[in-house]
C-alpha atoms as a PDB file:
ATOM      1  CA  MET A   1       0.134   0.021   0.010  1.00  0.00           C
ATOM      2  CA  ALA A   2       1.420   3.385  -1.021  1.00  0.00           C
ATOM      3  CA  SER A   3       2.172   5.722   1.878  1.00  0.00           C
ATOM      4  CA  PRO A   4      -0.175   8.732   2.212  1.00  0.00           C
ATOM      5  CA  PHE A   5       2.927  10.850   2.923  1.00  0.00           C
ATOM      6  CA  PRO A   6       5.378  10.551   0.008  1.00  0.00           C
ATOM      7  CA  ILE A   7       7.704  12.922   1.609  1.00  0.00           C
ATOM      8  CA  PRO A   8       8.807  12.931   5.340  1.00  0.00           C
ATOM      9  CA  LEU A   9       6.932  15.050   7.775  1.00  0.00           C
ATOM     10  CA  ASN A  10      10.152  17.007   8.660  1.00  0.00           C
ATOM     11  CA  ALA A  11      10.461  17.935   4.949  1.00  0.00           C
ATOM     12  CA  LEU A  12       6.793  18.905   4.778  1.00  0.00           C
ATOM     13  CA  ARG A  13       7.313  21.068   7.759  1.00  0.00           C
ATOM     14  CA  ALA A  14      10.272  22.732   6.094  1.00  0.00           C
ATOM     15  CA  ILE A  15       8.243  23.351   3.010  1.00  0.00           C
ATOM     16  CA  GLU A  16       5.517  25.066   5.024  1.00  0.00           C
ATOM     17  CA  ILE A  17       7.877  27.359   6.959  1.00  0.00           C
ATOM     18  CA  VAL A  18       9.851  28.351   3.920  1.00  0.00           C
ATOM     19  CA  ALA A  19       6.602  29.048   1.857  1.00  0.00           C
ATOM     20  CA  ARG A  20       5.355  31.237   4.614  1.00  0.00           C
ATOM     21  CA  ARG A  21       8.668  33.007   5.530  1.00  0.00           C
ATOM     22  CA  GLY A  22      10.405  33.168   2.110  1.00  0.00           C
ATOM     23  CA  ALA A  23      13.695  32.047   3.463  1.00  0.00           C
ATOM     24  CA  LEU A  24      15.559  28.912   4.572  1.00  0.00           C
ATOM     25  CA  ALA A  25      16.951  30.230   7.866  1.00  0.00           C
ATOM     26  CA  PRO A  26      13.652  30.294   9.777  1.00  0.00           C
ATOM     27  CA  ALA A  27      12.957  26.733   8.920  1.00  0.00           C
ATOM     28  CA  ALA A  28      16.554  25.639   9.915  1.00  0.00           C
ATOM     29  CA  ASP A  29      16.092  27.453  13.288  1.00  0.00           C
ATOM     30  CA  GLU A  30      12.742  25.978  13.984  1.00  0.00           C
ATOM     31  CA  LEU A  31      13.722  22.317  12.959  1.00  0.00           C
ATOM     32  CA  GLY A  32      17.163  22.494  14.522  1.00  0.00           C
ATOM     33  CA  VAL A  33      19.002  21.501  11.362  1.00  0.00           C
ATOM     34  CA  THR A  34      21.344  23.369   9.079  1.00  0.00           C
ATOM     35  CA  ILE A  35      20.230  25.624   6.215  1.00  0.00           C
ATOM     36  CA  GLY A  36      21.896  23.024   3.911  1.00  0.00           C
ATOM     37  CA  ALA A  37      19.634  20.224   5.264  1.00  0.00           C
ATOM     38  CA  VAL A  38      16.461  22.375   4.748  1.00  0.00           C
ATOM     39  CA  SER A  39      17.608  22.919   1.233  1.00  0.00           C
ATOM     40  CA  GLN A  40      17.986  19.173   0.713  1.00  0.00           C
ATOM     41  CA  HIS A  41      14.598  18.628   2.208  1.00  0.00           C
ATOM     42  CA  LEU A  42      13.066  20.926  -0.452  1.00  0.00           C
ATOM     43  CA  ARG A  43      14.972  19.395  -3.186  1.00  0.00           C
ATOM     44  CA  ARG A  44      14.184  15.754  -2.546  1.00  0.00           C
ATOM     45  CA  ALA A  45      10.450  16.759  -1.919  1.00  0.00           C
ATOM     46  CA  GLU A  46      10.398  18.281  -5.360  1.00  0.00           C
ATOM     47  CA  GLU A  47      12.058  15.259  -6.913  1.00  0.00           C
ATOM     48  CA  ARG A  48       9.508  12.897  -5.145  1.00  0.00           C
ATOM     49  CA  LEU A  49       6.527  15.010  -6.139  1.00  0.00           C
ATOM     50  CA  GLY A  50       7.880  15.585  -9.639  1.00  0.00           C
ATOM     51  CA  MET A  51       7.123  19.336  -9.612  1.00  0.00           C
ATOM     52  CA  ASP A  52       8.681  22.585  -8.587  1.00  0.00           C
ATOM     53  CA  LEU A  53       7.403  23.936  -5.177  1.00  0.00           C
ATOM     54  CA  PHE A  54       9.445  27.208  -5.119  1.00  0.00           C
ATOM     55  CA  GLU A  55      10.599  29.872  -7.472  1.00  0.00           C
ATOM     56  CA  ARG A  56      14.141  30.867  -6.837  1.00  0.00           C
ATOM     57  CA  THR A  57      14.228  34.711  -7.100  1.00  0.00           C
ATOM     58  CA  ALA A  58      16.729  37.435  -6.083  1.00  0.00           C
ATOM     59  CA  ALA A  59      14.400  38.393  -3.276  1.00  0.00           C
ATOM     60  CA  GLY A  60      14.254  34.884  -1.895  1.00  0.00           C
ATOM     61  CA  LEU A  61      12.220  31.636  -2.371  1.00  0.00           C
ATOM     62  CA  ARG A  62       8.646  32.107  -3.559  1.00  0.00           C
ATOM     63  CA  PRO A  63       6.110  29.454  -3.439  1.00  0.00           C
ATOM     64  CA  THR A  64       4.680  28.335  -6.821  1.00  0.00           C
ATOM     65  CA  PRO A  65       0.915  28.973  -7.481  1.00  0.00           C
ATOM     66  CA  ALA A  66       0.334  25.289  -6.568  1.00  0.00           C
ATOM     67  CA  LEU A  67       1.985  25.406  -3.326  1.00  0.00           C
ATOM     68  CA  LYS A  68       0.490  28.729  -2.450  1.00  0.00           C
ATOM     69  CA  ALA A  69      -2.924  27.307  -2.985  1.00  0.00           C
ATOM     70  CA  VAL A  70      -2.507  24.370  -0.419  1.00  0.00           C
ATOM     71  CA  LEU A  71      -0.280  26.471   2.119  1.00  0.00           C
ATOM     72  CA  PRO A  72      -3.241  27.393   4.335  1.00  0.00           C
ATOM     73  CA  GLN A  73      -4.073  23.622   4.689  1.00  0.00           C
ATOM     74  CA  LEU A  74      -0.496  22.919   5.581  1.00  0.00           C
ATOM     75  CA  THR A  75      -0.217  25.651   8.107  1.00  0.00           C
ATOM     76  CA  ALA A  76      -3.593  24.813   9.727  1.00  0.00           C
ATOM     77  CA  GLY A  77      -2.576  21.025   9.794  1.00  0.00           C
ATOM     78  CA  PHE A  78       0.741  21.790  11.637  1.00  0.00           C
ATOM     79  CA  THR A  79      -1.098  24.127  14.030  1.00  0.00           C
ATOM     80  CA  ALA A  80      -3.615  21.345  14.777  1.00  0.00           C
ATOM     81  CA  LEU A  81      -0.740  18.912  15.402  1.00  0.00           C
ATOM     82  CA  GLN A  82       0.909  21.274  17.868  1.00  0.00           C
ATOM     83  CA  ASP A  83      -2.489  21.735  19.711  1.00  0.00           C
ATOM     84  CA  GLY A  84      -2.997  17.996  19.655  1.00  0.00           C
ATOM     85  CA  LEU A  85       0.443  17.423  21.221  1.00  0.00           C
ATOM     86  CA  GLY A  86      -0.298  20.284  23.732  1.00  0.00           C
ATOM     87  CA  SER A  87      -3.475  18.570  24.789  1.00  0.00           C
ATOM     88  CA  LEU A  88      -1.554  15.242  25.171  1.00  0.00           C
ATOM     89  CA  ARG A  89       0.917  16.855  27.450  1.00  0.00           C
ATOM     90  CA  GLY A  90      -1.638  18.945  29.217  1.00  0.00           C
ATOM     91  CA  SER A  91      -1.869  22.400  27.674  1.00  0.00           C
ATOM     92  CA  ASP A  92      -0.923  25.358  29.807  1.00  0.00           C
ATOM     93  CA  GLU A  93      -4.198  27.132  30.527  1.00  0.00           C
ATOM     94  CA  ALA A  94      -2.354  29.249  33.175  1.00  0.00           C
ATOM     95  CA  VAL A  95      -0.501  31.356  30.692  1.00  0.00           C
ATOM     96  CA  LEU A  96      -1.848  33.443  27.878  1.00  0.00           C
ATOM     97  CA  ASN A  97       0.909  34.537  25.491  1.00  0.00           C
ATOM     98  CA  LEU A  98      -0.198  37.590  23.586  1.00  0.00           C
ATOM     99  CA  THR A  99       1.696  39.637  20.966  1.00  0.00           C
ATOM    100  CA  VAL A 100       0.641  43.283  20.564  1.00  0.00           C
ATOM    101  CA  GLY A 101       1.963  46.531  19.111  1.00  0.00           C
ATOM    102  CA  SER A 102       3.458  49.347  21.135  1.00  0.00           C
ATOM    103  CA  VAL A 103       0.498  51.748  20.929  1.00  0.00           C
ATOM    104  CA  PHE A 104      -2.171  49.249  21.851  1.00  0.00           C
ATOM    105  CA  ALA A 105       0.082  48.060  24.646  1.00  0.00           C
ATOM    106  CA  SER A 106       1.009  51.509  26.074  1.00  0.00           C
ATOM    107  CA  ARG A 107      -2.185  53.545  25.351  1.00  0.00           C
ATOM    108  CA  TRP A 108      -4.878  50.966  26.060  1.00  0.00           C
ATOM    109  CA  LEU A 109      -4.021  47.569  27.323  1.00  0.00           C
ATOM    110  CA  ILE A 110      -1.528  48.319  30.018  1.00  0.00           C
ATOM    111  CA  TRP A 111      -4.048  50.453  31.942  1.00  0.00           C
ATOM    112  CA  ARG A 112      -6.754  47.726  31.732  1.00  0.00           C
ATOM    113  CA  ILE A 113      -5.147  44.353  31.829  1.00  0.00           C
ATOM    114  CA  ASN A 114      -5.244  44.274  35.685  1.00  0.00           C
ATOM    115  CA  LYS A 115      -9.096  43.979  35.212  1.00  0.00           C
ATOM    116  CA  PHE A 116      -8.737  40.853  33.218  1.00  0.00           C
ATOM    117  CA  THR A 117      -6.203  39.410  35.800  1.00  0.00           C
ATOM    118  CA  MET A 118      -8.736  40.204  38.698  1.00  0.00           C
ATOM    119  CA  LEU A 119     -11.560  38.432  36.779  1.00  0.00           C
ATOM    120  CA  HIS A 120      -9.146  35.497  35.952  1.00  0.00           C
ATOM    121  CA  PRO A 121      -6.558  35.334  38.667  1.00  0.00           C
ATOM    122  CA  ASP A 122      -5.539  31.709  37.480  1.00  0.00           C
ATOM    123  CA  ILE A 123      -4.485  33.150  34.062  1.00  0.00           C
ATOM    124  CA  GLU A 124      -1.061  34.965  33.814  1.00  0.00           C
ATOM    125  CA  VAL A 125      -0.814  37.298  30.757  1.00  0.00           C
ATOM    126  CA  ARG A 126       2.621  37.444  28.946  1.00  0.00           C
ATOM    127  CA  LEU A 127       3.021  40.389  26.504  1.00  0.00           C
ATOM    128  CA  ASN A 128       5.293  40.267  23.540  1.00  0.00           C
ATOM    129  CA  VAL A 129       5.320  43.977  22.467  1.00  0.00           C
ATOM    130  CA  THR A 130       6.682  44.407  18.938  1.00  0.00           C
ATOM    131  CA  GLY A 131       6.027  46.272  15.766  1.00  0.00           C
ATOM    132  CA  ALA A 132       6.656  43.186  13.815  1.00  0.00           C
ATOM    133  CA  ILE A 133       3.944  40.829  12.575  1.00  0.00           C
ATOM    134  CA  LEU A 134       4.920  37.613  14.320  1.00  0.00           C
ATOM    135  CA  ASP A 135       3.931  34.221  13.186  1.00  0.00           C
ATOM    136  CA  ILE A 136       0.747  33.636  15.054  1.00  0.00           C
ATOM    137  CA  SER A 137       0.860  29.826  14.537  1.00  0.00           C
ATOM    138  CA  ARG A 138       3.948  29.611  16.762  1.00  0.00           C
ATOM    139  CA  PRO A 139       3.495  27.325  19.704  1.00  0.00           C
ATOM    140  CA  ASP A 140       4.691  30.089  22.176  1.00  0.00           C
ATOM    141  CA  ILE A 141       2.017  32.495  20.923  1.00  0.00           C
ATOM    142  CA  ASP A 142      -1.755  32.055  21.760  1.00  0.00           C
ATOM    143  CA  CYS A 143      -3.218  35.147  20.100  1.00  0.00           C
ATOM    144  CA  GLY A 144      -2.335  38.608  19.027  1.00  0.00           C
ATOM    145  CA  ILE A 145      -3.721  42.093  18.416  1.00  0.00           C
ATOM    146  CA  ARG A 146      -3.008  43.574  15.043  1.00  0.00           C
ATOM    147  CA  TYR A 147      -3.910  46.860  13.421  1.00  0.00           C
ATOM    148  CA  GLY A 148      -5.138  46.865   9.847  1.00  0.00           C
ATOM    149  CA  GLN A 149      -7.927  45.713   7.780  1.00  0.00           C
ATOM    150  CA  GLY A 150      -8.187  42.196   9.104  1.00  0.00           C
ATOM    151  CA  GLN A 151      -7.016  40.413   5.934  1.00  0.00           C
ATOM    152  CA  TRP A 152      -3.918  38.442   6.982  1.00  0.00           C
ATOM    153  CA  PRO A 153      -3.276  35.009   5.519  1.00  0.00           C
ATOM    154  CA  GLY A 154      -3.465  31.976   7.977  1.00  0.00           C
ATOM    155  CA  VAL A 155      -5.354  33.789  10.780  1.00  0.00           C
ATOM    156  CA  ASN A 156      -8.840  34.274  12.118  1.00  0.00           C
ATOM    157  CA  ALA A 157      -9.489  37.777  12.772  1.00  0.00           C
ATOM    158  CA  GLU A 158     -12.270  39.318  14.968  1.00  0.00           C
ATOM    159  CA  LEU A 159     -12.529  43.220  14.940  1.00  0.00           C
ATOM    160  CA  VAL A 160     -11.932  44.677  18.435  1.00  0.00           C
ATOM    161  CA  GLY A 161     -12.506  48.380  17.649  1.00  0.00           C
ATOM    162  CA  GLY A 162     -10.550  51.421  16.726  1.00  0.00           C
ATOM    163  CA  GLY A 163     -12.027  52.370  13.393  1.00  0.00           C
ATOM    164  CA  ALA A 164     -12.894  56.079  14.227  1.00  0.00           C
ATOM    165  CA  TYR A 165     -10.014  58.516  14.216  1.00  0.00           C
ATOM    166  CA  GLN A 166      -9.503  62.339  14.278  1.00  0.00           C
ATOM    167  CA  PRO A 167      -6.798  64.954  15.188  1.00  0.00           C
ATOM    168  CA  VAL A 168      -5.728  65.438  18.969  1.00  0.00           C
ATOM    169  CA  CYS A 169      -3.402  67.835  20.696  1.00  0.00           C
ATOM    170  CA  ALA A 170      -2.569  69.360  24.017  1.00  0.00           C
ATOM    171  CA  PRO A 171      -4.987  71.974  25.329  1.00  0.00           C
ATOM    172  CA  PRO A 172      -2.523  74.946  24.616  1.00  0.00           C
ATOM    173  CA  VAL A 173      -2.159  73.947  20.948  1.00  0.00           C
ATOM    174  CA  ALA A 174      -5.960  73.543  20.626  1.00  0.00           C
ATOM    175  CA  ARG A 175      -6.526  77.129  21.715  1.00  0.00           C
ATOM    176  CA  LEU A 176      -4.948  78.152  18.333  1.00  0.00           C
ATOM    177  CA  LEU A 177      -7.342  76.083  16.400  1.00  0.00           C
ATOM    178  CA  LYS A 178     -10.838  77.554  15.458  1.00  0.00           C
ATOM    179  CA  HIS A 179     -11.106  75.859  11.991  1.00  0.00           C
ATOM    180  CA  PRO A 180      -9.358  72.980  10.175  1.00  0.00           C
ATOM    181  CA  ASP A 181      -7.496  75.438   7.999  1.00  0.00           C
ATOM    182  CA  ASP A 182      -5.767  76.763  11.274  1.00  0.00           C
ATOM    183  CA  LEU A 183      -3.667  73.584  11.008  1.00  0.00           C
ATOM    184  CA  ALA A 184      -1.519  75.622   8.776  1.00  0.00           C
ATOM    185  CA  ARG A 185      -0.531  77.664  11.838  1.00  0.00           C
ATOM    186  CA  VAL A 186       0.639  74.750  14.161  1.00  0.00           C
ATOM    187  CA  PRO A 187       3.092  71.872  13.748  1.00  0.00           C
ATOM    188  CA  VAL A 188       1.332  68.626  12.589  1.00  0.00           C
ATOM    189  CA  ILE A 189       3.136  65.505  13.976  1.00  0.00           C
ATOM    190  CA  ARG A 190       3.947  62.927  11.393  1.00  0.00           C
ATOM    191  CA  ASP A 191       3.899  59.168  12.481  1.00  0.00           C
ATOM    192  CA  GLU A 192       5.672  57.189   9.907  1.00  0.00           C
ATOM    193  CA  THR A 193       3.895  53.947  10.936  1.00  0.00           C
ATOM    194  CA  THR A 194       0.365  55.143  10.844  1.00  0.00           C
ATOM    195  CA  MET A 195      -2.330  53.952   8.443  1.00  0.00           C
ATOM    196  CA  LEU A 196      -4.730  56.855   9.335  1.00  0.00           C
ATOM    197  CA  SER A 197      -5.336  59.037   6.428  1.00  0.00           C
ATOM    198  CA  TRP A 198      -5.107  62.826   6.920  1.00  0.00           C
ATOM    199  CA  ASP A 199      -6.437  63.119   3.293  1.00  0.00           C
ATOM    200  CA  ALA A 200      -9.686  61.346   4.113  1.00  0.00           C
ATOM    201  CA  TRP A 201     -10.245  63.447   7.282  1.00  0.00           C
ATOM    202  CA  ARG A 202      -9.332  66.692   5.464  1.00  0.00           C
ATOM    203  CA  ALA A 203     -11.758  66.015   2.502  1.00  0.00           C
ATOM    204  CA  GLU A 204     -14.639  65.246   5.026  1.00  0.00           C
ATOM    205  CA  VAL A 205     -14.273  68.465   7.130  1.00  0.00           C
ATOM    206  CA  GLY A 206     -13.767  70.570   3.840  1.00  0.00           C
ATOM    207  CA  MET A 207     -10.215  71.584   4.602  1.00  0.00           C
ATOM    208  CA  ASP A 208      -8.439  73.516   1.790  1.00  0.00           C
ATOM    209  CA  PRO A 209      -6.438  70.671   0.032  1.00  0.00           C
ATOM    210  CA  ALA A 210      -3.741  73.223  -0.854  1.00  0.00           C
ATOM    211  CA  ILE A 211      -2.669  73.722   2.850  1.00  0.00           C
ATOM    212  CA  LEU A 212       0.629  72.040   3.458  1.00  0.00           C
ATOM    213  CA  LEU A 213       0.950  70.257   6.951  1.00  0.00           C
ATOM    214  CA  THR A 214       4.369  70.216   8.437  1.00  0.00           C
ATOM    215  CA  GLY A 215       5.896  69.342  11.718  1.00  0.00           C
ATOM    216  CA  PRO A 216       8.047  66.713  13.554  1.00  0.00           C
ATOM    217  CA  THR A 217       8.346  63.148  12.356  1.00  0.00           C
ATOM    218  CA  TYR A 218       8.471  60.030  14.478  1.00  0.00           C
ATOM    219  CA  SER A 219       9.118  56.386  13.353  1.00  0.00           C
ATOM    220  CA  ASP A 220       7.511  55.149  16.687  1.00  0.00           C
ATOM    221  CA  ALA A 221       3.864  55.572  17.171  1.00  0.00           C
ATOM    222  CA  SER A 222       3.970  55.612  20.974  1.00  0.00           C
ATOM    223  CA  LEU A 223       6.586  58.518  20.861  1.00  0.00           C
ATOM    224  CA  ALA A 224       4.263  60.427  18.457  1.00  0.00           C
ATOM    225  CA  PHE A 225       1.543  60.193  21.074  1.00  0.00           C
ATOM    226  CA  ASP A 226       3.982  61.536  23.736  1.00  0.00           C
ATOM    227  CA  ALA A 227       4.967  64.341  21.303  1.00  0.00           C
ATOM    228  CA  ALA A 228       1.263  65.360  21.104  1.00  0.00           C
ATOM    229  CA  ILE A 229       0.865  65.357  24.837  1.00  0.00           C
ATOM    230  CA  SER A 230       4.068  67.389  25.341  1.00  0.00           C
ATOM    231  CA  GLU A 231       2.593  70.257  23.214  1.00  0.00           C
ATOM    232  CA  GLN A 232       4.760  69.512  20.008  1.00  0.00           C
ATOM    233  CA  GLY A 233       1.751  69.593  17.653  1.00  0.00           C
ATOM    234  CA  VAL A 234      -1.374  67.902  16.327  1.00  0.00           C
ATOM    235  CA  LEU A 235      -1.592  64.243  15.802  1.00  0.00           C
ATOM    236  CA  MET A 236      -3.939  61.956  13.826  1.00  0.00           C
ATOM    237  CA  ALA A 237      -5.014  59.273  16.334  1.00  0.00           C
ATOM    238  CA  ALA A 238      -7.641  56.498  16.625  1.00  0.00           C
ATOM    239  CA  ASP A 239     -10.323  57.500  19.267  1.00  0.00           C
ATOM    240  CA  MET A 240      -9.853  54.353  20.940  1.00  0.00           C
ATOM    241  CA  MET A 241      -6.150  55.042  21.643  1.00  0.00           C
ATOM    242  CA  SER A 242      -6.579  58.660  22.529  1.00  0.00           C
ATOM    243  CA  ALA A 243      -9.656  58.155  24.891  1.00  0.00           C
ATOM    244  CA  ASP A 244      -7.762  57.932  28.102  1.00  0.00           C
ATOM    245  CA  ALA A 245      -5.620  60.973  27.463  1.00  0.00           C
ATOM    246  CA  VAL A 246      -8.803  62.971  26.350  1.00  0.00           C
ATOM    247  CA  SER A 247     -10.527  61.811  29.340  1.00  0.00           C
ATOM    248  CA  ASP A 248      -8.040  63.079  31.658  1.00  0.00           C
ATOM    249  CA  GLY A 249      -7.333  66.258  29.916  1.00  0.00           C
ATOM    250  CA  ARG A 250      -3.913  65.672  28.515  1.00  0.00           C
ATOM    251  CA  LEU A 251      -5.107  65.790  25.009  1.00  0.00           C
ATOM    252  CA  VAL A 252      -8.248  67.306  23.276  1.00  0.00           C
ATOM    253  CA  ARG A 253     -10.063  66.754  20.064  1.00  0.00           C
ATOM    254  CA  PRO A 254     -10.161  70.275  18.739  1.00  0.00           C
ATOM    255  CA  PHE A 255     -12.485  69.807  15.905  1.00  0.00           C
ATOM    256  CA  ALA A 256     -14.770  67.023  17.439  1.00  0.00           C
ATOM    257  CA  HIS A 257     -15.095  65.384  14.022  1.00  0.00           C
ATOM    258  CA  ALA A 258     -14.078  61.770  13.690  1.00  0.00           C
ATOM    259  CA  VAL A 259     -14.055  59.802  10.501  1.00  0.00           C
ATOM    260  CA  GLU A 260     -14.460  56.013  10.216  1.00  0.00           C
ATOM    261  CA  GLY A 261     -11.624  54.249   8.397  1.00  0.00           C
ATOM    262  CA  PRO A 262     -11.298  50.726   6.936  1.00  0.00           C
ATOM    263  CA  GLN A 263      -8.675  49.777   9.520  1.00  0.00           C
ATOM    264  CA  GLY A 264      -8.985  48.794  13.223  1.00  0.00           C
ATOM    265  CA  TYR A 265      -7.631  46.649  15.972  1.00  0.00           C
ATOM    266  CA  TRP A 266      -8.174  42.844  15.522  1.00  0.00           C
ATOM    267  CA  LEU A 267      -7.789  39.840  17.914  1.00  0.00           C
ATOM    268  CA  VAL A 268      -6.062  37.340  15.628  1.00  0.00           C
ATOM    269  CA  THR A 269      -5.557  33.531  16.210  1.00  0.00           C
ATOM    270  CA  ALA A 270      -4.050  30.832  14.027  1.00  0.00           C
ATOM    271  CA  LYS A 271      -6.396  28.991  11.679  1.00  0.00           C
ATOM    272  CA  GLY A 272      -6.856  25.475  12.752  1.00  0.00           C
ATOM    273  CA  ARG A 273      -5.970  26.111  16.369  1.00  0.00           C
ATOM    274  CA  ARG A 274      -8.461  24.976  18.896  1.00  0.00           C
ATOM    275  CA  GLU A 275     -10.038  27.658  21.083  1.00  0.00           C
ATOM    276  CA  SER A 276      -8.615  27.276  24.623  1.00  0.00           C
ATOM    277  CA  ARG A 277     -10.525  28.298  27.746  1.00  0.00           C
ATOM    278  CA  LYS A 278      -7.960  31.264  28.300  1.00  0.00           C
ATOM    279  CA  LEU A 279      -8.463  32.521  24.804  1.00  0.00           C
ATOM    280  CA  ARG A 280     -12.298  32.437  25.264  1.00  0.00           C
ATOM    281  CA  ALA A 281     -11.844  34.289  28.462  1.00  0.00           C
ATOM    282  CA  PHE A 282      -9.593  37.044  26.868  1.00  0.00           C
ATOM    283  CA  ARG A 283     -11.918  37.280  23.937  1.00  0.00           C
ATOM    284  CA  ASP A 284     -15.023  37.787  26.089  1.00  0.00           C
ATOM    285  CA  TRP A 285     -13.259  40.382  28.168  1.00  0.00           C
ATOM    286  CA  LEU A 286     -12.244  42.415  25.104  1.00  0.00           C
ATOM    287  CA  ARG A 287     -15.851  42.376  23.909  1.00  0.00           C
ATOM    288  CA  GLN A 288     -16.977  43.903  27.199  1.00  0.00           C
ATOM    289  CA  GLU A 289     -13.951  46.057  27.890  1.00  0.00           C
ATOM    290  CA  VAL A 290     -13.471  47.866  24.678  1.00  0.00           C
ATOM    291  CA  PRO A 291     -17.008  49.468  24.494  1.00  0.00           C
ATOM    292  CA  ALA A 292     -16.780  50.314  28.193  1.00  0.00           C
ATOM    293  CA  SER A 293     -13.436  52.086  27.618  1.00  0.00           C
ATOM    294  CA  THR A 294     -15.030  54.551  25.329  1.00  0.00           C
ATOM    295  CA  ARG A 295     -18.533  54.807  26.501  1.00  0.00           C
ATOM    296  CA  GLY A 296     -19.360  58.005  28.100  1.00  0.00           C
ATOM    297  CA  TYR A 297     -16.416  59.866  26.896  1.00  0.00           C
ATOM    298  CA  VAL A 298     -17.457  63.198  25.401  1.00  0.00           C
ATOM    299  CA  HIS A 299     -15.521  64.961  22.522  1.00  0.00           C
ATOM    300  CA  GLN A 300     -13.489  67.661  24.195  1.00  0.00           C
ATOM    301  CA  SER A 301     -13.001  70.827  22.331  1.00  0.00           C
ATOM    302  CA  ARG A 302     -10.505  73.624  23.018  1.00  0.00           C
ATOM    303  CA  GLY A 303      -9.272  73.652  26.552  1.00  0.00           C
END
């Protein structure tokens, strides 16, 4: 009887990792072998299947259309195997490993995570704060919060919030702003990492499109928030992220006009991964805490 697996499981795993990451080194690290061994895995698999699995390009290895089509199944399959092994050993329901970006961590989560731990004292939350989009199928990551439009391959994404956005600034800066065109008179903080559109907001409020916005530039979104609080200028920010600073008066929303963008904060989990009790608890808490964190906040105008 022919084997249902014409190539070894390690080779299949190497194929899945390289297809997802576009390089041999990540597969070598995860499998504990040399880059040369990974390369041999790929070559022998292609020989046994009688087809090319990768295109060799100057930018790295790219999966062929045939491999790309089945990659979600491979990733989900290995994720399910990892979860099955975890169940066999007794999964660690006492630790929730969460990866988040710096703004979500510093402007929203860090001020509220104690509420979750008070509700679930048996669950320890471990944060991996990074601007990189980590592989959510890794066995050491349970879930993540990502900002974008929710269309990432290999993940289940549930919208948490954060679609509404508008300019914010410190009260002394706000006193100079009577009309959106007055933004020409103050510095406008540029966040190089943002997905928020000044153009969309300007168009909605009828701001003169010829007005040039200038000001300091930051490559870190959390620092851009601190710059706005320290009176360096006006920042475009998601209402969800600015809500606390607006509530306590460090920031105001000078024009009280938010627009709804296509992006937001999403809870993401690996496709094929079983839903653990700790993940259900965290999801349920987010569904309650996010609306509660903005409910009752009023749009503050000039201080």
